[in-house]
Amino acid sequence: MPPTPSKEHPPESQPANDREPDSEQDLPLILLEIRNLSSVGAKNFLRSTDASAILIESIRTVLRLLNPHQEPHPNVRSITLILRDFDGVAYTAGKDIDFEHKEIHFSTAYIESIAPERIKEEIAGVLVHEMVHVWQWNGKHRCNGGLIEGIVDWVRLRAGLDPPHWRQRSKKCEWDSGYEVTGYFLDWMEERAGKGLVVKINQRLKEEYVEKEFWTEFCDGEDIKALWAKYAESLDEGSGDEESLVESEQEKVDGTEGTEDKKDDVPNGVV
């Protein structure tokens, strides 16, 4: 989910680097903090995951999909993964004192709840989700939150880390419902418009987001809501009962992510 905003937004970052990191020397400083080593969630994480390897792979995955041609990205000096107990799944924040230092908070209670056969994939998926928030732009804090989260889950989808309960759906949703709903919609748009659409959308979000003006650049003049209607028509969604079941399962995941009285905002282009 998006990072917790600082009390005052810092100036927009300039790209720290014009290319994807190709060695560990090119990466920001990566740190791990575990608040309670004796917790079941922390033990399960350490038992199933190489923390250094998965964080480096998450960074590379995000930059490969979101910055494939070494497009500019926000400055990031360090990324700290913090495992601690809280309600929810995960969220990303920047330090108030220096917003180029990022923190990914990951709930040990949630990790404990993951089925053993899914733990490696789910940890990887959550970390890729949060890592997108570290590297994406945010339309100078004006971007629709649903679009921000949709870009995030588009990356997770393209990385092959989509969880089993995800599927395309439009009933009782809007184009900017966020998460995988918007992620699948963006994927459909990219299939129509050609590879690189989501990368261009993210780069355009370096500038202030104004919805009516924004989408004319990417939709051949079509209204985004009209495109959503076409997308909805293309789906065979079955019965309403099936839809309700999927929504119920989704609420178990998305409904708790980033709770803990955190405001859904995207400071300085990262979440």
Protein backbone atom coordinates (compact mmCIF):
# COMPACT_ATOMS: atom_id res chain seq x y z
CA MET A 1 0.00 0.00 0.00
CA PRO A 2 1.11 3.61 -0.27
CA PRO A 3 3.65 5.03 2.15
CA THR A 4 2.66 7.06 5.15
CA PRO A 5 3.01 10.73 4.22
CA SER A 6 5.46 12.92 6.06
CA LYS A 7 4.16 16.06 7.73
CA GLU A 8 5.35 18.13 4.80
CA HIS A 9 6.00 16.81 1.33
CA PRO A 10 9.65 17.23 0.37
CA PRO A 11 10.64 18.63 -3.03
CA GLU A 12 10.20 16.22 -5.93
CA SER A 13 13.20 13.94 -6.23
CA GLN A 14 15.37 13.86 -9.27
CA PRO A 15 16.44 10.50 -10.68
CA ALA A 16 19.36 9.13 -8.75
CA ASN A 17 20.45 7.07 -11.66
CA ASP A 18 19.72 6.90 -15.38
CA ARG A 19 19.96 3.12 -15.59
CA GLU A 20 18.70 0.02 -13.91
CA PRO A 21 21.12 -1.21 -11.25
CA ASP A 22 23.29 -3.92 -12.78
CA SER A 23 25.38 -4.74 -9.72
CA GLU A 24 24.98 -4.59 -5.96
CA GLN A 25 27.09 -1.43 -5.98
CA ASP A 26 24.33 0.30 -7.95
CA LEU A 27 21.63 -0.59 -5.45
CA PRO A 28 20.50 1.59 -2.54
CA LEU A 29 21.54 0.45 0.90
CA ILE A 30 19.34 -2.50 1.92
CA LEU A 31 18.62 -3.11 5.61
CA LEU A 32 16.60 -5.61 7.63
CA GLU A 33 15.04 -4.89 11.03
CA ILE A 34 13.16 -7.55 12.99
CA ARG A 35 11.36 -6.26 16.06
CA ASN A 36 10.71 -9.69 17.61
CA LEU A 37 12.90 -12.58 16.49
CA SER A 38 10.88 -15.04 18.54
CA SER A 39 7.60 -14.35 16.71
CA VAL A 40 6.26 -17.15 14.52
CA GLY A 41 5.97 -14.80 11.57
CA ALA A 42 9.61 -13.73 11.81
CA LYS A 43 10.73 -17.34 12.11
CA ASN A 44 8.62 -18.35 9.11
CA PHE A 45 10.07 -15.49 7.08
CA LEU A 46 13.67 -16.38 7.90
CA ARG A 47 13.03 -20.10 7.38
CA SER A 48 11.53 -19.63 3.93
CA THR A 49 13.31 -16.59 2.55
CA ASP A 50 16.78 -15.22 1.87
CA ALA A 51 16.09 -11.61 2.87
CA SER A 52 18.97 -10.06 0.95
CA ALA A 53 18.29 -12.04 -2.22
CA ILE A 54 14.54 -11.42 -2.26
CA LEU A 55 14.90 -7.67 -1.69
CA ILE A 56 17.50 -7.36 -4.45
CA GLU A 57 15.32 -9.44 -6.78
CA SER A 58 12.29 -7.29 -5.91
CA ILE A 59 14.18 -4.14 -6.87
CA ARG A 60 15.37 -5.66 -10.14
CA THR A 61 11.88 -6.94 -10.98
CA VAL A 62 10.29 -3.55 -10.42
CA LEU A 63 12.91 -1.66 -12.44
CA ARG A 64 12.81 -4.23 -15.24
CA LEU A 65 9.04 -3.84 -15.63
CA LEU A 66 8.53 -0.19 -14.70
CA ASN A 67 11.82 1.30 -15.95
CA PRO A 68 12.89 -1.02 -18.80
CA HIS A 69 14.71 1.70 -20.74
CA GLN A 70 16.37 3.27 -17.71
CA GLU A 71 13.69 5.93 -17.34
CA PRO A 72 14.19 8.42 -14.49
CA HIS A 73 12.92 7.38 -11.08
CA PRO A 74 12.80 8.99 -7.63
CA ASN A 75 15.95 9.13 -5.55
CA VAL A 76 16.25 6.19 -3.18
CA ARG A 77 19.22 6.08 -0.81
CA SER A 78 18.17 3.18 1.40
CA ILE A 79 15.38 0.62 1.81
CA THR A 80 14.73 -0.94 5.22
CA LEU A 81 12.49 -3.98 5.51
CA ILE A 82 10.90 -3.93 8.97
CA LEU A 83 9.21 -7.09 10.24
CA ARG A 84 6.89 -6.31 13.14
CA ASP A 85 3.48 -7.19 14.52
CA PHE A 86 0.55 -5.03 13.40
CA ASP A 87 -2.92 -5.44 11.92
CA GLY A 88 -2.87 -5.55 8.15
CA VAL A 89 -0.35 -6.78 5.57
CA ALA A 90 2.27 -4.19 4.65
CA TYR A 91 2.88 -0.53 3.89
CA THR A 92 5.73 1.66 2.70
CA ALA A 93 6.85 4.98 4.18
CA GLY A 94 9.63 7.50 3.86
CA LYS A 95 11.51 8.84 6.85
CA ASP A 96 10.37 12.33 7.82
CA ILE A 97 13.95 13.47 8.27
CA ASP A 98 14.99 12.34 4.78
CA PHE A 99 12.38 10.99 2.39
CA GLU A 100 14.98 9.28 0.20
CA HIS A 101 15.27 6.64 2.94
CA LYS A 102 12.36 4.19 2.58
CA GLU A 103 10.84 1.70 5.00
CA ILE A 104 8.74 -1.32 4.06
CA HIS A 105 6.77 -2.50 7.10
CA PHE A 106 5.62 -6.12 6.80
CA SER A 107 3.31 -7.67 9.38
CA THR A 108 4.64 -10.78 11.12
CA ALA A 109 1.06 -11.63 12.07
CA TYR A 110 0.16 -11.73 8.38
CA ILE A 111 3.25 -13.79 7.51
CA GLU A 112 2.25 -16.26 10.21
CA SER A 113 -1.17 -16.62 8.57
CA ILE A 114 0.19 -17.58 5.12
CA ALA A 115 -0.27 -21.24 4.16
CA PRO A 116 3.10 -23.06 4.12
CA GLU A 117 2.77 -24.03 0.46
CA ARG A 118 2.25 -20.36 -0.51
CA ILE A 119 4.66 -18.57 1.81
CA LYS A 120 7.59 -18.01 -0.56
CA GLU A 121 5.38 -16.78 -3.40
CA GLU A 122 3.23 -14.58 -1.16
CA ILE A 123 6.22 -12.95 0.53
CA ALA A 124 7.75 -12.27 -2.89
CA GLY A 125 4.47 -10.84 -4.17
CA VAL A 126 3.93 -8.53 -1.21
CA LEU A 127 7.52 -7.28 -1.38
CA VAL A 128 7.26 -6.58 -5.12
CA HIS A 129 3.99 -4.73 -4.45
CA GLU A 130 5.60 -2.55 -1.80
CA MET A 131 8.80 -2.11 -3.81
CA VAL A 132 6.83 -0.56 -6.68
CA HIS A 133 5.71 2.09 -4.23
CA VAL A 134 9.36 2.88 -3.60
CA TRP A 135 10.15 3.54 -7.27
CA GLN A 136 6.96 4.87 -8.89
CA TRP A 137 5.90 8.49 -9.54
CA ASN A 138 2.71 9.97 -8.12
CA GLY A 139 1.56 12.89 -10.25
CA LYS A 140 2.93 15.40 -7.75
CA HIS A 141 0.68 13.97 -5.04
CA ARG A 142 -2.43 14.47 -7.20
CA CYS A 143 -2.73 11.02 -8.71
CA ASN A 144 -5.82 8.92 -8.17
CA GLY A 145 -4.99 6.37 -5.46
CA GLY A 146 -6.70 3.61 -7.43
CA LEU A 147 -4.39 4.22 -10.38
CA ILE A 148 -1.34 4.15 -8.11
CA GLU A 149 -2.35 0.79 -6.64
CA GLY A 150 -3.35 -0.49 -10.07
CA ILE A 151 0.12 0.19 -11.45
CA VAL A 152 1.55 -1.61 -8.43
CA ASP A 153 -0.50 -4.74 -8.98
CA TRP A 154 0.07 -4.58 -12.74
CA VAL A 155 3.78 -5.02 -11.93
CA ARG A 156 2.99 -7.90 -9.56
CA LEU A 157 0.83 -9.49 -12.27
CA ARG A 158 3.53 -9.12 -14.94
CA ALA A 159 6.10 -10.52 -12.52
CA GLY A 160 4.06 -13.74 -12.32
CA LEU A 161 3.37 -13.24 -8.61
CA ASP A 162 -0.41 -12.87 -8.77
CA PRO A 163 -2.08 -14.88 -5.97
CA PRO A 164 -4.61 -17.63 -6.80
CA HIS A 165 -7.70 -15.60 -5.87
CA TRP A 166 -7.02 -12.82 -8.39
CA ARG A 167 -9.09 -12.63 -11.54
CA GLN A 168 -10.39 -10.03 -13.94
CA ARG A 169 -13.63 -8.45 -12.77
CA SER A 170 -15.69 -5.34 -13.34
CA LYS A 171 -18.97 -5.93 -11.52
CA LYS A 172 -19.46 -3.50 -8.64
CA CYS A 173 -16.09 -1.96 -9.54
CA GLU A 174 -14.81 1.14 -11.32
CA TRP A 175 -11.69 1.58 -13.42
CA ASP A 176 -9.97 3.16 -10.42
CA SER A 177 -11.03 0.64 -7.78
CA GLY A 178 -7.32 -0.08 -7.51
CA TYR A 179 -5.22 -3.15 -6.78
CA GLU A 180 -5.70 -6.08 -9.16
CA VAL A 181 -9.02 -4.70 -10.52
CA THR A 182 -7.19 -1.74 -12.05
CA GLY A 183 -4.05 -3.82 -12.65
CA TYR A 184 -5.91 -6.18 -15.01
CA PHE A 185 -7.57 -3.19 -16.69
CA LEU A 186 -4.18 -1.60 -17.34
CA ASP A 187 -2.97 -4.92 -18.75
CA TRP A 188 -5.95 -4.98 -21.13
CA MET A 189 -5.21 -1.38 -22.15
CA GLU A 190 -1.59 -2.29 -22.82
CA GLU A 191 -2.64 -5.19 -25.04
CA ARG A 192 -4.72 -2.73 -27.09
CA ALA A 193 -2.23 0.13 -27.18
CA GLY A 194 1.02 -1.84 -27.32
CA LYS A 195 3.81 -2.75 -24.95
CA GLY A 196 5.14 0.11 -22.87
CA LEU A 197 1.84 1.86 -22.09
CA VAL A 198 2.08 1.44 -18.31
CA VAL A 199 5.73 2.55 -18.35
CA LYS A 200 4.66 5.72 -20.17
CA ILE A 201 1.80 6.28 -17.70
CA ASN A 202 4.22 6.03 -14.79
CA GLN A 203 6.66 8.44 -16.43
CA ARG A 204 3.87 10.91 -17.16
CA LEU A 205 3.09 10.85 -13.43
CA LYS A 206 6.31 12.76 -12.83
CA GLU A 207 4.10 15.75 -13.69
CA GLU A 208 0.90 16.85 -11.98
CA TYR A 209 -2.02 14.51 -12.57
CA VAL A 210 -5.16 16.09 -14.05
CA GLU A 211 -7.51 13.29 -14.98
CA LYS A 212 -9.32 14.81 -17.97
CA GLU A 213 -6.07 15.90 -19.60
CA PHE A 214 -4.04 12.88 -18.55
CA TRP A 215 -5.87 10.08 -20.36
CA THR A 216 -6.18 11.76 -23.75
CA GLU A 217 -2.46 11.10 -24.19
CA PHE A 218 -2.88 7.35 -23.77
CA CYS A 219 -6.36 6.46 -25.02
CA ASP A 220 -6.42 8.01 -28.51
CA GLY A 221 -8.81 10.60 -27.19
CA GLU A 222 -11.18 8.07 -25.60
CA ASP A 223 -12.61 8.73 -22.18
CA ILE A 224 -11.19 6.41 -19.52
CA LYS A 225 -14.68 5.51 -18.34
CA ALA A 226 -15.69 4.58 -21.89
CA LEU A 227 -12.65 2.31 -22.09
CA TRP A 228 -13.65 0.72 -18.79
CA ALA A 229 -17.11 0.00 -20.25
CA LYS A 230 -15.49 -1.73 -23.24
CA TYR A 231 -13.29 -3.72 -20.91
CA ALA A 232 -16.29 -4.77 -18.82
CA GLU A 233 -18.08 -5.94 -21.97
CA SER A 234 -15.10 -8.12 -22.86
CA LEU A 235 -15.32 -10.09 -19.59
CA ASP A 236 -17.42 -13.17 -18.99
CA GLU A 237 -17.93 -12.86 -15.26
CA GLY A 238 -20.49 -15.56 -14.57
CA SER A 239 -23.14 -15.31 -11.87
CA GLY A 240 -23.51 -12.70 -9.16
CA ASP A 241 -22.97 -15.38 -6.50
CA GLU A 242 -19.54 -16.14 -7.92
CA GLU A 243 -18.72 -12.44 -7.94
CA SER A 244 -19.71 -12.08 -4.28
CA LEU A 245 -17.46 -14.98 -3.34
CA VAL A 246 -14.47 -13.41 -5.12
CA GLU A 247 -15.13 -10.06 -3.45
CA SER A 248 -15.29 -11.75 -0.06
CA GLU A 249 -11.96 -13.45 -0.64
CA GLN A 250 -10.42 -10.20 -1.88
CA GLU A 251 -11.53 -8.31 1.21
CA LYS A 252 -9.51 -10.72 3.33
CA VAL A 253 -6.39 -9.47 1.56
CA ASP A 254 -6.96 -5.90 0.40
CA GLY A 255 -9.30 -4.95 3.23
CA THR A 256 -6.56 -5.30 5.81
CA GLU A 257 -3.56 -4.10 3.83
CA GLY A 258 -2.12 -0.88 5.09
CA THR A 259 -4.53 -0.42 7.96
CA GLU A 260 -3.13 0.81 11.25
CA ASP A 261 -4.46 4.33 10.81
CA LYS A 262 -2.27 5.03 7.81
CA LYS A 263 -3.42 7.52 5.20
CA ASP A 264 -3.42 6.20 1.63
CA ASP A 265 -1.19 8.75 -0.02
CA VAL A 266 1.83 8.53 -2.28
CA PRO A 267 4.47 10.95 -1.13
CA ASN A 268 7.25 11.82 -3.56
CA GLY A 269 6.30 9.23 -6.11
CA VAL A 270 6.86 6.15 -4.01
CA VAL A 271 4.66 3.87 -1.93
